[in-house]
Amino acid sequence: MNIERLLSPDCTLAAVPGDSKKRILELIARTLNQVHPILDEEEIFDRLIERERLGSTGFGDGVAIPHCRLPNCCDTVGVLLQLDKGIDFEAIDNQQVDLIFALVVPEEAAEAHLEALQAVAENFSKPDYRDRLRAATDNITLFEAAITAS
């Protein structure tokens, strides 16, 4: 699965003030609702929090991939955030997180959910990909770096 299929420029935000995990999940929900009004902001937030309670989605190497399934979601959508400073995301390696790729998937799309997670995780496992994202200075540069194959 191609990252470009999951992400739009409107859902790609650079130099986001990193405050807390909760605030970042609220921003993700708000961003998705603004770009995809059919998706309920509160429900996105609640589902992301619910998923985090099962175990942190902090992937390691400064990356988190929060995700959830949602009714009324017609297609898999993502939000990419580059934080201005790392935050505690309870990552598996205990590192601060500064790159976040959130995924929201239709509730019944279990296979698509796994494919999207795998594609995002594969890209973020590459140091040069993470470096390009961290070097981006604005939303467009971040989006272009995200969709460029490693």
Protein backbone atom coordinates (compact mmCIF):
# COMPACT_ATOMS: atom_id res chain seq x y z
CA MET A 1 0.00 0.00 0.00
CA ASN A 2 1.26 3.44 -0.97
CA ILE A 3 1.48 6.20 1.68
CA GLU A 4 0.10 8.67 -0.87
CA ARG A 5 -3.15 6.69 -0.85
CA LEU A 6 -3.49 7.23 2.92
CA LEU A 7 -2.39 10.83 3.25
CA SER A 8 -3.40 14.22 1.88
CA PRO A 9 -1.59 17.56 2.15
CA ASP A 10 -4.42 18.82 4.41
CA CYS A 11 -3.62 16.05 6.90
CA THR A 12 0.13 16.68 6.96
CA LEU A 13 1.34 19.09 9.63
CA ALA A 14 4.94 20.16 10.30
CA ALA A 15 6.43 21.77 13.41
CA VAL A 16 3.38 20.99 15.54
CA PRO A 17 3.81 22.07 19.16
CA GLY A 18 4.31 18.88 21.12
CA ASP A 19 2.49 19.12 24.43
CA SER A 20 1.16 15.73 25.46
CA LYS A 21 -0.10 12.48 24.02
CA LYS A 22 -3.70 13.46 24.81
CA ARG A 23 -3.40 16.85 23.08
CA ILE A 24 -1.83 15.24 20.01
CA LEU A 25 -4.64 12.67 19.78
CA GLU A 26 -7.15 15.54 20.07
CA LEU A 27 -5.37 17.36 17.22
CA ILE A 28 -5.48 14.23 15.07
CA ALA A 29 -9.23 13.85 15.68
CA ARG A 30 -9.86 17.54 14.96
CA THR A 31 -7.77 17.47 11.77
CA LEU A 32 -9.54 14.39 10.44
CA ASN A 33 -12.95 15.90 11.21
CA GLN A 34 -12.04 19.15 9.44
CA VAL A 35 -10.83 17.36 6.32
CA HIS A 36 -13.44 14.56 6.42
CA PRO A 37 -16.55 16.09 8.11
CA ILE A 38 -18.40 12.76 8.01
CA LEU A 39 -15.97 11.50 10.66
CA ASP A 40 -16.96 12.47 14.20
CA GLU A 41 -14.14 14.22 16.07
CA GLU A 42 -15.14 12.94 19.51
CA GLU A 43 -15.54 9.38 18.30
CA ILE A 44 -12.12 9.42 16.62
CA PHE A 45 -10.53 10.70 19.82
CA ASP A 46 -12.37 8.14 21.98
CA ARG A 47 -11.34 5.26 19.69
CA LEU A 48 -7.70 6.40 19.58
CA ILE A 49 -7.61 6.67 23.39
CA GLU A 50 -9.28 3.27 23.70
CA ARG A 51 -6.61 1.76 21.45
CA GLU A 52 -3.80 3.39 23.45
CA ARG A 53 -5.20 1.82 26.63
CA LEU A 54 -4.58 -1.59 25.06
CA GLY A 55 -0.92 -0.70 24.68
CA SER A 56 1.08 2.21 23.40
CA THR A 57 1.38 2.65 19.66
CA GLY A 58 4.83 4.14 20.17
CA PHE A 59 6.73 2.21 17.51
CA GLY A 60 10.26 3.17 18.56
CA ASP A 61 12.92 5.47 17.05
CA GLY A 62 10.79 8.52 17.86
CA VAL A 63 7.76 7.24 15.92
CA ALA A 64 4.17 6.50 16.96
CA ILE A 65 1.43 5.02 14.80
CA PRO A 66 -1.86 5.53 16.65
CA HIS A 67 -4.73 3.81 14.87
CA CYS A 68 -8.34 2.76 15.21
CA ARG A 69 -11.32 1.47 13.29
CA LEU A 70 -14.35 3.70 12.97
CA PRO A 71 -17.94 3.40 11.76
CA ASN A 72 -18.97 5.94 9.08
CA CYS A 73 -15.43 5.83 7.73
CA CYS A 74 -15.50 4.97 4.02
CA ASP A 75 -11.78 4.68 3.37
CA THR A 76 -8.52 4.42 5.27
CA VAL A 77 -7.20 7.90 6.05
CA GLY A 78 -4.09 9.15 7.78
CA VAL A 79 -2.65 12.16 9.53
CA LEU A 80 1.09 12.84 9.65
CA LEU A 81 2.48 15.08 12.36
CA GLN A 82 6.06 16.24 12.77
CA LEU A 83 6.32 17.63 16.30
CA ASP A 84 8.53 20.57 17.21
CA LYS A 85 9.82 18.53 20.17
CA GLY A 86 9.46 14.97 21.34
CA ILE A 87 6.73 13.93 23.76
CA ASP A 88 6.26 10.93 26.00
CA PHE A 89 4.18 8.40 24.09
CA GLU A 90 5.11 5.40 26.24
CA ALA A 91 7.04 4.02 23.26
CA ILE A 92 8.46 0.51 23.40
CA ASP A 93 12.02 1.90 23.44
CA ASN A 94 11.14 4.68 25.97
CA GLN A 95 12.28 7.37 23.48
CA GLN A 96 10.38 10.61 23.04
CA VAL A 97 8.15 10.63 19.94
CA ASP A 98 8.36 13.41 17.36
CA LEU A 99 6.88 11.71 14.27
CA ILE A 100 3.28 10.48 14.37
CA PHE A 101 1.31 8.82 11.62
CA ALA A 102 -2.27 8.20 12.71
CA LEU A 103 -4.58 5.86 10.81
CA VAL A 104 -8.35 5.63 10.85
CA VAL A 105 -9.84 2.65 9.05
CA PRO A 106 -13.44 1.60 8.29
CA GLU A 107 -14.71 -0.57 11.13
CA GLU A 108 -15.22 -3.67 8.98
CA ALA A 109 -11.89 -3.37 7.10
CA ALA A 110 -9.62 -5.55 9.22
CA GLU A 111 -7.38 -6.56 6.31
CA ALA A 112 -7.04 -2.99 5.03
CA HIS A 113 -6.17 -1.93 8.58
CA LEU A 114 -3.30 -4.41 8.74
CA GLU A 115 -2.06 -3.51 5.25
CA ALA A 116 -2.01 0.20 6.07
CA LEU A 117 -0.22 -0.39 9.39
CA GLN A 118 2.34 -2.56 7.66
CA ALA A 119 3.00 0.03 4.93
CA VAL A 120 3.43 2.87 7.42
CA ALA A 121 5.59 0.80 9.78
CA GLU A 122 7.79 -0.36 6.90
CA ASN A 123 8.50 3.22 5.81
CA PHE A 124 9.12 4.43 9.35
CA SER A 125 11.53 1.58 10.02
CA LYS A 126 13.98 3.19 7.55
CA PRO A 127 16.33 5.77 9.12
CA ASP A 128 16.62 7.82 5.90
CA TYR A 129 12.83 8.10 5.66
CA ARG A 130 12.58 9.34 9.26
CA ASP A 131 15.46 11.77 8.65
CA ARG A 132 13.71 13.25 5.60
CA LEU A 133 10.52 13.79 7.59
CA ARG A 134 12.41 15.40 10.46
CA ALA A 135 14.24 17.72 8.05
CA ALA A 136 11.01 19.07 6.51
CA THR A 137 10.41 22.72 7.33
CA ASP A 138 6.76 23.10 6.27
CA ASN A 139 3.63 21.07 5.56
CA ILE A 140 4.19 20.68 1.81
CA THR A 141 7.81 19.60 2.22
CA LEU A 142 6.71 17.12 4.88
CA PHE A 143 3.97 15.73 2.61
CA GLU A 144 6.38 15.37 -0.32
CA ALA A 145 8.95 13.64 1.90
CA ALA A 146 6.28 11.28 3.22
CA ILE A 147 5.04 10.12 -0.17
CA THR A 148 8.48 9.75 -1.73
CA ALA A 149 9.53 6.12 -1.68
CA SER A 150 12.63 5.34 0.33
